Amino acid sequence: MPGHGGPADEPTFRNMQTLHPLSDMSGRPDADTASSPSLRAQPGTVHDRGRRSLLAAGAVAAGATLALPLRALAQASSTAGVLSPEVLAKRQAEMLLAHPDAVQNVITAFVDGRKPKAEGLLLDVATLADNPSAVPVRVSVDPSLITESNWCEELIILAEKNPIPLACRMYFTPLAGVAEAAVRVRLARSQAIHALARMKDGQILEARKDVTVAASGCGM
């Protein structure tokens, strides 16, 4: 009986499938549709013409979006609450400024009330950095200070004017036999490099060297 799922309804259902074939999220026909020639959209059919019209409309819309002037896009971003290029540049410059107490706070926590000794720690870094985005820094504890009962437990490297001063932290065990670190540090500006080492007996060794850079490595 028509209208109640009888045999007479089957041709109508097949016609609907011809006009609107099923497809998955990738846009490819599903297995049933691909395997049935009668369910695929044929060139020149209503579905094929509708599909081509939709694709053409999408291409026109994409082209219109890309053609918007940059100034109009910037104004739209500003209106929507997005930072303008000028404000963004200012914020980025502010982020490059280290907090004046940041490096001192790290040093204070590391020494823990002890007075650092300005000997026994070798800091090797060029005074003029030709590539501020990767400045080689090498630190080592004098081997004569390391014994079976006394060794370097922890070593840190600081760039005092970087937004985040702590550039490196390393831990050592008695089995290491030596205590040294070789890293490359990105420098935001000309500044001092600090190195501190804590020995097993509680001694704190310290070294410091000024480094001049031609340009900010954080902007590269």
N, C-alpha and C. Protein backbone atom coordinates (compact mmCIF):
# COMPACT_ATOMS: atom_id res chain seq x y z
N MET A 1 0.85 -1.20 0.00
CA MET A 1 0.00 0.00 0.00
C MET A 1 0.87 1.22 0.00
N PRO A 2 0.68 2.16 -0.89
CA PRO A 2 1.56 3.33 -0.99
C PRO A 2 1.51 4.15 0.29
N GLY A 3 2.71 4.70 0.66
CA GLY A 3 2.79 5.57 1.83
C GLY A 3 2.98 4.82 3.11
N HIS A 4 2.98 3.46 3.08
CA HIS A 4 3.13 2.69 4.33
C HIS A 4 4.25 1.68 4.23
N GLY A 5 5.29 1.99 3.47
CA GLY A 5 6.47 1.13 3.42
C GLY A 5 6.30 -0.05 2.53
N GLY A 6 5.28 -0.05 1.65
CA GLY A 6 5.07 -1.18 0.76
C GLY A 6 5.98 -1.11 -0.43
N PRO A 7 5.89 -2.04 -1.33
CA PRO A 7 6.75 -2.10 -2.52
C PRO A 7 6.62 -0.87 -3.38
N ALA A 8 5.42 -0.22 -3.32
CA ALA A 8 5.24 0.95 -4.20
C ALA A 8 6.12 2.10 -3.79
N ASP A 9 6.62 2.11 -2.51
CA ASP A 9 7.45 3.22 -2.05
C ASP A 9 8.89 3.09 -2.49
N GLU A 10 9.32 1.92 -2.90
CA GLU A 10 10.73 1.68 -3.18
C GLU A 10 11.29 2.56 -4.29
N PRO A 11 10.61 2.76 -5.42
CA PRO A 11 11.15 3.65 -6.47
C PRO A 11 11.36 5.07 -5.98
N THR A 12 10.42 5.57 -5.14
CA THR A 12 10.57 6.94 -4.62
C THR A 12 11.82 7.04 -3.76
N PHE A 13 12.09 6.04 -2.92
CA PHE A 13 13.28 6.05 -2.06
C PHE A 13 14.56 6.04 -2.89
N ARG A 14 14.56 5.25 -3.96
CA ARG A 14 15.74 5.21 -4.82
C ARG A 14 15.95 6.57 -5.50
N ASN A 15 14.88 7.23 -5.90
CA ASN A 15 15.03 8.56 -6.52
C ASN A 15 15.62 9.55 -5.54
N MET A 16 15.20 9.50 -4.27
CA MET A 16 15.74 10.41 -3.26
C MET A 16 17.23 10.16 -3.08
N GLN A 17 17.66 8.89 -3.09
CA GLN A 17 19.07 8.59 -2.96
C GLN A 17 19.86 9.10 -4.14
N THR A 18 19.27 9.11 -5.33
CA THR A 18 19.97 9.60 -6.51
C THR A 18 20.21 11.09 -6.40
N LEU A 19 19.24 11.81 -5.84
CA LEU A 19 19.38 13.27 -5.71
C LEU A 19 20.30 13.64 -4.55
N HIS A 20 20.33 12.83 -3.49
CA HIS A 20 21.11 13.16 -2.29
C HIS A 20 21.91 11.95 -1.86
N PRO A 21 22.98 11.60 -2.55
CA PRO A 21 23.77 10.41 -2.18
C PRO A 21 24.44 10.62 -0.84
N LEU A 22 24.56 9.51 -0.08
CA LEU A 22 25.22 9.58 1.23
C LEU A 22 26.71 9.70 1.04
N SER A 23 27.38 10.41 1.93
CA SER A 23 28.83 10.54 1.89
C SER A 23 29.34 10.65 3.29
N ASP A 24 30.64 10.30 3.52
CA ASP A 24 31.24 10.42 4.84
C ASP A 24 31.79 11.83 5.02
N MET A 25 32.47 12.07 6.17
CA MET A 25 32.96 13.41 6.50
C MET A 25 34.04 13.89 5.54
N SER A 26 34.71 12.99 4.82
CA SER A 26 35.78 13.39 3.90
C SER A 26 35.24 13.83 2.56
N GLY A 27 33.92 13.71 2.36
CA GLY A 27 33.34 14.12 1.11
C GLY A 27 33.30 13.00 0.09
N ARG A 28 33.79 11.80 0.44
CA ARG A 28 33.76 10.66 -0.48
C ARG A 28 32.49 9.88 -0.26
N PRO A 29 31.88 9.31 -1.31
CA PRO A 29 30.67 8.50 -1.14
C PRO A 29 30.97 7.32 -0.25
N ASP A 30 29.93 6.89 0.51
CA ASP A 30 30.15 5.73 1.36
C ASP A 30 30.20 4.47 0.51
N ALA A 31 30.42 3.32 1.18
CA ALA A 31 30.64 2.08 0.45
C ALA A 31 29.43 1.69 -0.39
N ASP A 32 28.22 1.86 0.20
CA ASP A 32 27.01 1.48 -0.52
C ASP A 32 26.81 2.35 -1.75
N THR A 33 27.03 3.65 -1.58
CA THR A 33 26.82 4.59 -2.68
C THR A 33 27.83 4.36 -3.78
N ALA A 34 29.11 4.12 -3.39
CA ALA A 34 30.16 3.95 -4.38
C ALA A 34 29.97 2.68 -5.18
N SER A 35 29.36 1.66 -4.55
CA SER A 35 29.23 0.38 -5.24
C SER A 35 28.00 0.31 -6.13
N SER A 36 27.11 1.27 -6.01
CA SER A 36 25.87 1.25 -6.79
C SER A 36 25.87 2.36 -7.81
N PRO A 37 26.00 2.06 -9.10
CA PRO A 37 26.03 3.10 -10.13
C PRO A 37 24.77 3.94 -10.12
N SER A 38 23.63 3.35 -9.73
CA SER A 38 22.38 4.10 -9.76
C SER A 38 22.32 5.15 -8.68
N LEU A 39 23.18 5.01 -7.59
CA LEU A 39 23.14 5.96 -6.49
C LEU A 39 24.19 7.03 -6.62
N ARG A 40 25.11 6.94 -7.58
CA ARG A 40 26.13 7.97 -7.75
C ARG A 40 25.59 9.09 -8.63
N ALA A 41 26.03 10.34 -8.31
CA ALA A 41 25.60 11.48 -9.12
C ALA A 41 26.29 11.42 -10.47
N GLN A 42 25.53 11.41 -11.54
CA GLN A 42 26.08 11.36 -12.88
C GLN A 42 26.20 12.77 -13.44
N PRO A 43 27.19 13.03 -14.31
CA PRO A 43 27.32 14.36 -14.92
C PRO A 43 26.03 14.76 -15.61
N GLY A 44 25.63 15.99 -15.33
CA GLY A 44 24.43 16.52 -15.96
C GLY A 44 23.18 16.32 -15.14
N THR A 45 23.25 15.53 -14.06
CA THR A 45 22.05 15.31 -13.24
C THR A 45 21.82 16.51 -12.35
N VAL A 46 20.64 16.54 -11.71
CA VAL A 46 20.30 17.66 -10.82
C VAL A 46 21.30 17.76 -9.69
N HIS A 47 21.67 16.59 -9.12
CA HIS A 47 22.62 16.63 -7.99
C HIS A 47 23.99 17.14 -8.43
N ASP A 48 24.44 16.70 -9.61
CA ASP A 48 25.75 17.14 -10.08
C ASP A 48 25.78 18.64 -10.30
N ARG A 49 24.72 19.21 -10.88
CA ARG A 49 24.70 20.66 -11.09
C ARG A 49 24.63 21.42 -9.77
N GLY A 50 23.87 20.88 -8.81
CA GLY A 50 23.81 21.54 -7.51
C GLY A 50 25.14 21.50 -6.79
N ARG A 51 25.85 20.36 -6.90
CA ARG A 51 27.17 20.23 -6.26
C ARG A 51 28.16 21.23 -6.85
N ARG A 52 28.15 21.35 -8.17
CA ARG A 52 29.07 22.30 -8.81
C ARG A 52 28.74 23.73 -8.41
N SER A 53 27.47 24.06 -8.26
CA SER A 53 27.08 25.41 -7.85
C SER A 53 27.58 25.72 -6.45
N LEU A 54 27.48 24.73 -5.54
CA LEU A 54 27.96 24.94 -4.17
C LEU A 54 29.46 25.15 -4.14
N LEU A 55 30.21 24.37 -4.92
CA LEU A 55 31.67 24.52 -4.96
C LEU A 55 32.05 25.89 -5.52
N ALA A 56 31.37 26.34 -6.54
CA ALA A 56 31.67 27.65 -7.12
C ALA A 56 31.38 28.75 -6.13
N ALA A 57 30.25 28.65 -5.40
CA ALA A 57 29.92 29.68 -4.41
C ALA A 57 30.97 29.73 -3.31
N GLY A 58 31.45 28.55 -2.88
CA GLY A 58 32.49 28.52 -1.84
C GLY A 58 33.77 29.16 -2.31
N ALA A 59 34.17 28.93 -3.55
CA ALA A 59 35.40 29.53 -4.09
C ALA A 59 35.28 31.04 -4.16
N VAL A 60 34.12 31.54 -4.56
CA VAL A 60 33.92 33.00 -4.63
C VAL A 60 34.00 33.61 -3.25
N ALA A 61 33.38 32.95 -2.25
CA ALA A 61 33.42 33.48 -0.90
C ALA A 61 34.84 33.52 -0.36
N ALA A 62 35.63 32.45 -0.62
CA ALA A 62 37.03 32.42 -0.16
C ALA A 62 37.84 33.52 -0.82
N GLY A 63 37.64 33.72 -2.11
CA GLY A 63 38.38 34.78 -2.81
C GLY A 63 38.03 36.15 -2.29
N ALA A 64 36.76 36.37 -1.95
CA ALA A 64 36.36 37.67 -1.43
C ALA A 64 37.01 37.94 -0.08
N THR A 65 37.13 36.89 0.75
CA THR A 65 37.78 37.06 2.06
C THR A 65 39.25 37.41 1.90
N LEU A 66 39.96 36.74 0.99
CA LEU A 66 41.38 37.01 0.78
C LEU A 66 41.60 38.38 0.18
N ALA A 67 40.60 38.90 -0.50
CA ALA A 67 40.77 40.19 -1.16
C ALA A 67 40.54 41.37 -0.24
N LEU A 68 40.11 41.13 1.00
CA LEU A 68 39.89 42.24 1.92
C LEU A 68 41.19 42.98 2.17
N PRO A 69 41.20 44.31 2.20
CA PRO A 69 42.42 45.07 2.49
C PRO A 69 42.93 44.75 3.88
N LEU A 70 44.25 44.76 4.04
CA LEU A 70 44.84 44.47 5.34
C LEU A 70 44.39 45.46 6.40
N ARG A 71 44.22 46.72 5.99
CA ARG A 71 43.79 47.72 6.96
C ARG A 71 42.41 47.40 7.49
N ALA A 72 41.50 46.95 6.60
CA ALA A 72 40.16 46.60 7.03
C ALA A 72 40.18 45.42 7.98
N LEU A 73 41.06 44.44 7.70
CA LEU A 73 41.18 43.29 8.59
C LEU A 73 41.71 43.71 9.95
N ALA A 74 42.67 44.63 9.97
CA ALA A 74 43.22 45.11 11.24
C ALA A 74 42.16 45.84 12.04
N GLN A 75 41.32 46.66 11.35
CA GLN A 75 40.26 47.37 12.04
C GLN A 75 39.23 46.40 12.59
N ALA A 76 38.93 45.37 11.82
CA ALA A 76 37.98 44.37 12.29
C ALA A 76 38.52 43.64 13.51
N SER A 77 39.81 43.33 13.50
CA SER A 77 40.42 42.65 14.64
C SER A 77 40.39 43.53 15.88
N SER A 78 40.67 44.84 15.67
CA SER A 78 40.66 45.77 16.80
C SER A 78 39.27 45.88 17.39
N THR A 79 38.26 45.92 16.50
CA THR A 79 36.88 46.03 16.96
C THR A 79 36.48 44.78 17.74
N ALA A 80 37.00 43.63 17.31
CA ALA A 80 36.65 42.37 17.96
C ALA A 80 37.41 42.13 19.25
N GLY A 81 38.31 43.04 19.63
CA GLY A 81 39.05 42.89 20.87
C GLY A 81 40.44 42.33 20.69
N VAL A 82 40.88 42.05 19.46
CA VAL A 82 42.23 41.55 19.19
C VAL A 82 43.20 42.72 19.21
N LEU A 83 44.42 42.49 19.74
CA LEU A 83 45.40 43.56 19.85
C LEU A 83 45.83 44.04 18.47
N SER A 84 45.96 45.35 18.32
CA SER A 84 46.46 45.92 17.08
C SER A 84 47.95 45.64 16.97
N PRO A 85 48.54 45.74 15.76
CA PRO A 85 49.99 45.50 15.61
C PRO A 85 50.83 46.41 16.49
N GLU A 86 50.42 47.67 16.65
CA GLU A 86 51.20 48.61 17.47
C GLU A 86 51.19 48.19 18.94
N VAL A 87 49.99 47.85 19.44
CA VAL A 87 49.89 47.44 20.84
C VAL A 87 50.61 46.12 21.07
N LEU A 88 50.50 45.19 20.09
CA LEU A 88 51.17 43.91 20.22
C LEU A 88 52.68 44.07 20.28
N ALA A 89 53.24 44.96 19.44
CA ALA A 89 54.68 45.21 19.45
C ALA A 89 55.12 45.79 20.79
N LYS A 90 54.29 46.66 21.36
CA LYS A 90 54.62 47.26 22.66
C LYS A 90 54.61 46.20 23.76
N ARG A 91 53.61 45.30 23.70
CA ARG A 91 53.53 44.24 24.70
C ARG A 91 54.72 43.30 24.60
N GLN A 92 55.14 42.99 23.37
CA GLN A 92 56.28 42.11 23.18
C GLN A 92 57.56 42.74 23.72
N ALA A 93 57.71 44.07 23.52
CA ALA A 93 58.88 44.75 24.05
C ALA A 93 58.89 44.72 25.57
N GLU A 94 57.71 44.86 26.18
CA GLU A 94 57.62 44.82 27.63
C GLU A 94 57.96 43.43 28.17
N MET A 95 57.58 42.40 27.40
CA MET A 95 57.87 41.03 27.84
C MET A 95 59.36 40.73 27.84
N LEU A 96 60.13 41.46 27.03
CA LEU A 96 61.58 41.24 26.98
C LEU A 96 62.29 41.84 28.18
N LEU A 97 61.58 42.67 28.96
CA LEU A 97 62.19 43.29 30.12
C LEU A 97 62.09 42.35 31.32
N ALA A 98 63.22 41.96 31.84
CA ALA A 98 63.21 41.08 33.01
C ALA A 98 62.82 41.88 34.25
N HIS A 99 62.14 41.23 35.17
CA HIS A 99 61.82 41.88 36.44
C HIS A 99 63.13 42.15 37.18
N PRO A 100 63.30 43.37 37.71
CA PRO A 100 64.58 43.71 38.35
C PRO A 100 65.00 42.77 39.47
N ASP A 101 64.03 42.13 40.13
CA ASP A 101 64.37 41.24 41.25
C ASP A 101 64.44 39.77 40.85
N ALA A 102 64.15 39.46 39.58
CA ALA A 102 64.04 38.05 39.17
C ALA A 102 65.34 37.30 39.38
N VAL A 103 66.45 37.82 38.86
CA VAL A 103 67.71 37.10 38.96
C VAL A 103 68.18 37.02 40.41
N GLN A 104 67.97 38.09 41.16
CA GLN A 104 68.40 38.10 42.56
C GLN A 104 67.60 37.09 43.38
N ASN A 105 66.35 36.92 43.05
CA ASN A 105 65.53 35.95 43.77
C ASN A 105 66.05 34.53 43.55
N VAL A 106 66.47 34.23 42.33
CA VAL A 106 67.01 32.90 42.03
C VAL A 106 68.33 32.69 42.78
N ILE A 107 69.18 33.72 42.77
CA ILE A 107 70.47 33.61 43.47
C ILE A 107 70.26 33.44 44.97
N THR A 108 69.36 34.22 45.54
CA THR A 108 69.09 34.13 46.98
C THR A 108 68.61 32.74 47.38
N ALA A 109 67.73 32.18 46.57
CA ALA A 109 67.23 30.84 46.87
C ALA A 109 68.33 29.79 46.73
N PHE A 110 69.23 30.00 45.79
CA PHE A 110 70.29 29.01 45.55
C PHE A 110 71.33 29.02 46.67
N VAL A 111 71.79 30.20 47.08
CA VAL A 111 72.85 30.28 48.09
C VAL A 111 72.31 29.95 49.48
N ASP A 112 71.02 30.19 49.71
CA ASP A 112 70.38 29.83 50.98
C ASP A 112 71.14 30.38 52.19
N GLY A 113 71.50 31.65 52.14
CA GLY A 113 72.15 32.30 53.27
C GLY A 113 73.66 32.17 53.32
N ARG A 114 74.25 31.37 52.44
CA ARG A 114 75.70 31.21 52.42
C ARG A 114 76.34 32.29 51.55
N LYS A 115 77.61 32.59 51.84
CA LYS A 115 78.33 33.59 51.05
C LYS A 115 79.09 32.90 49.92
N PRO A 116 78.79 33.25 48.66
CA PRO A 116 79.47 32.59 47.54
C PRO A 116 80.95 32.94 47.49
N LYS A 117 81.75 32.00 46.99
CA LYS A 117 83.18 32.21 46.79
C LYS A 117 83.43 32.51 45.31
N ALA A 118 84.17 33.58 45.05
CA ALA A 118 84.45 33.99 43.67
C ALA A 118 85.67 33.28 43.11
N GLU A 119 85.78 31.99 43.36
CA GLU A 119 86.88 31.19 42.83
C GLU A 119 86.46 29.73 42.79
N GLY A 120 87.14 28.97 41.94
CA GLY A 120 86.83 27.55 41.85
C GLY A 120 85.80 27.21 40.77
N LEU A 121 85.18 28.24 40.19
CA LEU A 121 84.20 28.00 39.13
C LEU A 121 84.65 28.74 37.88
N LEU A 122 84.85 28.02 36.79
CA LEU A 122 85.35 28.60 35.54
C LEU A 122 84.19 28.87 34.60
N LEU A 123 84.06 30.13 34.17
CA LEU A 123 83.00 30.54 33.26
C LEU A 123 83.62 31.01 31.95
N ASP A 124 83.32 30.30 30.88
CA ASP A 124 83.88 30.62 29.57
C ASP A 124 82.76 31.09 28.64
N VAL A 125 82.76 32.39 28.32
CA VAL A 125 81.78 32.96 27.40
C VAL A 125 82.41 34.19 26.75
N ALA A 126 82.14 34.39 25.46
CA ALA A 126 82.71 35.53 24.74
C ALA A 126 82.16 36.84 25.28
N THR A 127 83.01 37.85 25.38
CA THR A 127 82.55 39.16 25.85
C THR A 127 81.74 39.89 24.79
N LEU A 128 81.92 39.53 23.50
CA LEU A 128 81.14 40.10 22.41
C LEU A 128 80.45 38.97 21.67
N ALA A 129 79.12 38.95 21.73
CA ALA A 129 78.35 37.87 21.09
C ALA A 129 77.94 38.30 19.68
N ASP A 130 78.50 37.60 18.67
CA ASP A 130 78.15 37.93 17.29
C ASP A 130 76.82 37.31 16.88
N ASN A 131 76.36 36.32 17.63
CA ASN A 131 75.06 35.70 17.36
C ASN A 131 74.28 35.61 18.67
N PRO A 132 73.55 36.67 19.05
CA PRO A 132 72.88 36.69 20.35
C PRO A 132 71.77 35.66 20.51
N SER A 133 71.34 35.04 19.41
CA SER A 133 70.29 34.03 19.53
C SER A 133 70.84 32.69 19.99
N ALA A 134 72.16 32.52 20.01
CA ALA A 134 72.77 31.26 20.46
C ALA A 134 74.20 31.55 20.93
N VAL A 135 74.33 32.05 22.15
CA VAL A 135 75.63 32.40 22.71
C VAL A 135 76.20 31.19 23.46
N PRO A 136 77.35 30.67 23.04
CA PRO A 136 77.94 29.51 23.74
C PRO A 136 78.42 29.89 25.15
N VAL A 137 78.02 29.11 26.12
CA VAL A 137 78.42 29.31 27.51
C VAL A 137 78.91 27.98 28.07
N ARG A 138 80.10 28.01 28.65
CA ARG A 138 80.65 26.78 29.23
C ARG A 138 81.06 27.05 30.67
N VAL A 139 80.63 26.20 31.57
CA VAL A 139 80.92 26.36 33.00
C VAL A 139 81.47 25.03 33.53
N SER A 140 82.50 25.13 34.36
CA SER A 140 83.06 23.91 34.96
C SER A 140 83.64 24.22 36.33
N VAL A 141 83.51 23.24 37.21
CA VAL A 141 84.09 23.36 38.54
C VAL A 141 85.54 22.89 38.48
N ASP A 142 86.41 23.62 39.17
CA ASP A 142 87.83 23.25 39.22
C ASP A 142 87.96 21.79 39.66
N PRO A 143 88.54 20.93 38.81
CA PRO A 143 88.64 19.49 39.15
C PRO A 143 89.35 19.22 40.47
N SER A 144 90.25 20.13 40.88
CA SER A 144 90.99 19.90 42.12
C SER A 144 90.07 19.98 43.35
N LEU A 145 88.88 20.58 43.18
CA LEU A 145 87.95 20.72 44.31
C LEU A 145 87.05 19.49 44.46
N ILE A 146 87.04 18.63 43.46
CA ILE A 146 86.14 17.47 43.48
C ILE A 146 86.89 16.25 44.03
N THR A 147 86.38 15.68 45.09
CA THR A 147 86.96 14.49 45.71
C THR A 147 85.87 13.44 45.91
N GLU A 148 86.24 12.32 46.48
CA GLU A 148 85.27 11.26 46.74
C GLU A 148 84.23 11.68 47.76
N SER A 149 84.61 12.58 48.66
CA SER A 149 83.69 13.02 49.71
C SER A 149 83.08 14.40 49.44
N ASN A 150 83.57 15.08 48.44
CA ASN A 150 83.06 16.42 48.15
C ASN A 150 82.98 16.62 46.63
N TRP A 151 81.81 16.84 46.13
CA TRP A 151 81.59 17.02 44.70
C TRP A 151 80.52 18.09 44.48
N CYS A 152 80.37 18.49 43.25
CA CYS A 152 79.35 19.49 42.93
C CYS A 152 77.99 18.80 42.84
N GLU A 153 77.04 19.28 43.61
CA GLU A 153 75.69 18.71 43.59
C GLU A 153 74.77 19.39 42.57
N GLU A 154 74.95 20.70 42.41
CA GLU A 154 74.04 21.43 41.52
C GLU A 154 74.78 22.62 40.92
N LEU A 155 74.44 22.93 39.67
CA LEU A 155 75.06 24.04 38.95
C LEU A 155 73.97 24.76 38.15
N ILE A 156 73.98 26.10 38.19
CA ILE A 156 73.00 26.87 37.42
C ILE A 156 73.70 27.98 36.63
N ILE A 157 73.07 28.37 35.52
CA ILE A 157 73.54 29.48 34.68
C ILE A 157 72.40 30.47 34.55
N LEU A 158 72.71 31.75 34.74
CA LEU A 158 71.69 32.80 34.72
C LEU A 158 72.07 33.90 33.72
N ALA A 159 71.07 34.38 33.00
CA ALA A 159 71.22 35.57 32.14
C ALA A 159 70.36 36.65 32.79
N GLU A 160 71.00 37.59 33.47
CA GLU A 160 70.29 38.45 34.41
C GLU A 160 69.22 39.37 33.79
N LYS A 161 69.31 39.70 32.51
CA LYS A 161 68.33 40.61 31.90
C LYS A 161 67.40 39.91 30.91
N ASN A 162 67.43 38.61 30.90
CA ASN A 162 66.46 37.87 30.09
C ASN A 162 65.11 37.84 30.81
N PRO A 163 64.01 37.73 30.07
CA PRO A 163 62.70 37.65 30.72
C PRO A 163 62.63 36.52 31.74
N ILE A 164 63.26 35.39 31.43
CA ILE A 164 63.40 34.28 32.38
C ILE A 164 64.89 34.06 32.60
N PRO A 165 65.44 34.56 33.70
CA PRO A 165 66.90 34.55 33.90
C PRO A 165 67.53 33.16 33.93
N LEU A 166 66.86 32.16 34.49
CA LEU A 166 67.46 30.84 34.63
C LEU A 166 67.56 30.16 33.26
N ALA A 167 68.80 29.98 32.80
CA ALA A 167 69.03 29.40 31.47
C ALA A 167 69.36 27.92 31.55
N CYS A 168 69.91 27.47 32.68
CA CYS A 168 70.32 26.08 32.78
C CYS A 168 70.43 25.68 34.25
N ARG A 169 70.00 24.45 34.54
CA ARG A 169 70.17 23.88 35.88
C ARG A 169 70.56 22.42 35.72
N MET A 170 71.66 22.02 36.36
CA MET A 170 72.14 20.65 36.24
C MET A 170 72.48 20.08 37.61
N TYR A 171 72.24 18.77 37.76
CA TYR A 171 72.56 18.07 38.99
C TYR A 171 73.63 17.01 38.70
N PHE A 172 74.47 16.75 39.70
CA PHE A 172 75.56 15.80 39.54
C PHE A 172 75.59 14.82 40.71
N THR A 173 76.21 13.68 40.48
CA THR A 173 76.39 12.67 41.53
C THR A 173 77.89 12.41 41.67
N PRO A 174 78.31 11.71 42.73
CA PRO A 174 79.74 11.41 42.90
C PRO A 174 80.32 10.62 41.73
N LEU A 175 79.48 9.84 41.05
CA LEU A 175 79.97 9.02 39.95
C LEU A 175 80.35 9.85 38.73
N ALA A 176 79.88 11.11 38.66
CA ALA A 176 80.19 11.94 37.50
C ALA A 176 81.69 12.22 37.40
N GLY A 177 82.33 12.44 38.53
CA GLY A 177 83.77 12.70 38.53
C GLY A 177 84.12 14.13 38.16
N VAL A 178 83.29 14.79 37.35
CA VAL A 178 83.49 16.18 36.96
C VAL A 178 82.16 16.89 37.07
N ALA A 179 82.20 18.22 36.99
CA ALA A 179 80.98 19.03 37.00
C ALA A 179 81.15 20.14 35.98
N GLU A 180 80.52 19.98 34.84
CA GLU A 180 80.62 20.99 33.80
C GLU A 180 79.35 21.00 32.96
N ALA A 181 79.10 22.15 32.32
CA ALA A 181 77.92 22.31 31.48
C ALA A 181 78.30 23.20 30.30
N ALA A 182 77.82 22.83 29.13
CA ALA A 182 78.04 23.62 27.91
C ALA A 182 76.69 23.80 27.24
N VAL A 183 76.23 25.04 27.17
CA VAL A 183 74.91 25.35 26.60
C VAL A 183 75.03 26.55 25.67
N ARG A 184 73.96 26.78 24.92
CA ARG A 184 73.83 27.99 24.11
C ARG A 184 72.64 28.78 24.64
N VAL A 185 72.88 30.04 24.96
CA VAL A 185 71.87 30.87 25.60
C VAL A 185 71.45 31.99 24.66
N ARG A 186 70.16 32.21 24.54
CA ARG A 186 69.64 33.35 23.77
C ARG A 186 69.56 34.56 24.68
N LEU A 187 70.18 35.65 24.27
CA LEU A 187 70.24 36.85 25.11
C LEU A 187 69.33 37.94 24.56
N ALA A 188 68.53 38.53 25.43
CA ALA A 188 67.60 39.58 25.03
C ALA A 188 68.32 40.90 24.81
N ARG A 189 69.48 41.08 25.46
CA ARG A 189 70.25 42.32 25.36
C ARG A 189 71.62 42.11 25.99
N SER A 190 72.46 43.13 25.95
CA SER A 190 73.76 43.06 26.62
C SER A 190 73.52 42.92 28.13
N GLN A 191 74.26 42.01 28.75
CA GLN A 191 74.00 41.73 30.16
C GLN A 191 75.11 40.87 30.75
N ALA A 192 74.95 40.56 32.02
CA ALA A 192 75.92 39.71 32.71
C ALA A 192 75.40 38.27 32.76
N ILE A 193 76.33 37.34 32.58
CA ILE A 193 76.03 35.92 32.74
C ILE A 193 76.57 35.48 34.10
N HIS A 194 75.73 34.84 34.88
CA HIS A 194 76.13 34.35 36.20
C HIS A 194 76.14 32.82 36.19
N ALA A 195 77.08 32.26 36.94
CA ALA A 195 77.12 30.82 37.14
C ALA A 195 77.36 30.55 38.62
N LEU A 196 76.61 29.62 39.17
CA LEU A 196 76.78 29.25 40.58
C LEU A 196 76.77 27.74 40.71
N ALA A 197 77.59 27.24 41.64
CA ALA A 197 77.67 25.80 41.88
C ALA A 197 77.61 25.55 43.38
N ARG A 198 76.87 24.51 43.77
CA ARG A 198 76.78 24.13 45.17
C ARG A 198 77.52 22.81 45.38
N MET A 199 78.50 22.84 46.31
CA MET A 199 79.29 21.66 46.60
C MET A 199 78.63 20.84 47.71
N LYS A 200 79.05 19.60 47.83
CA LYS A 200 78.49 18.71 48.84
C LYS A 200 78.71 19.23 50.24
N ASP A 201 79.85 19.88 50.48
CA ASP A 201 80.15 20.40 51.82
C ASP A 201 79.45 21.71 52.12
N GLY A 202 78.60 22.21 51.17
CA GLY A 202 77.85 23.43 51.42
C GLY A 202 78.45 24.68 50.80
N GLN A 203 79.65 24.61 50.29
CA GLN A 203 80.26 25.78 49.66
C GLN A 203 79.48 26.18 48.40
N ILE A 204 79.43 27.48 48.16
CA ILE A 204 78.80 28.02 46.96
C ILE A 204 79.88 28.71 46.14
N LEU A 205 80.06 28.27 44.93
CA LEU A 205 81.03 28.88 44.03
C LEU A 205 80.29 29.78 43.04
N GLU A 206 80.91 30.90 42.69
CA GLU A 206 80.23 31.86 41.82
C GLU A 206 81.20 32.43 40.79
N ALA A 207 80.69 32.68 39.59
CA ALA A 207 81.46 33.34 38.53
C ALA A 207 80.51 34.23 37.75
N ARG A 208 81.06 35.32 37.20
CA ARG A 208 80.23 36.29 36.49
C ARG A 208 81.03 36.90 35.35
N LYS A 209 80.36 37.14 34.22
CA LYS A 209 81.03 37.77 33.09
C LYS A 209 80.01 38.57 32.28
N ASP A 210 80.42 39.79 31.87
CA ASP A 210 79.55 40.65 31.05
C ASP A 210 79.67 40.28 29.58
N VAL A 211 78.52 40.29 28.89
CA VAL A 211 78.47 39.96 27.48
C VAL A 211 77.76 41.09 26.74
N THR A 212 78.37 41.56 25.66
CA THR A 212 77.78 42.62 24.82
C THR A 212 77.22 41.99 23.56
N VAL A 213 75.97 42.33 23.23
CA VAL A 213 75.34 41.82 22.01
C VAL A 213 75.00 42.99 21.11
N ALA A 214 75.04 42.73 19.80
CA ALA A 214 74.76 43.79 18.83
C ALA A 214 73.26 44.00 18.65
N ALA A 215 72.48 42.94 18.82
CA ALA A 215 71.03 43.02 18.67
C ALA A 215 70.39 41.97 19.55
N SER A 216 69.09 42.16 19.83
CA SER A 216 68.40 41.22 20.70
C SER A 216 68.23 39.88 20.02
N GLY A 217 68.64 38.82 20.72
CA GLY A 217 68.46 37.49 20.18
C GLY A 217 67.02 37.03 20.28
N CYS A 218 66.22 37.65 21.16
CA CYS A 218 64.82 37.24 21.33
C CYS A 218 63.95 37.74 20.20
N GLY A 219 64.46 38.64 19.37
CA GLY A 219 63.67 39.15 18.27
C GLY A 219 63.95 38.43 16.97
N MET A 220 64.82 37.41 16.99
CA MET A 220 65.22 36.70 15.79
C MET A 220 64.34 35.46 15.57
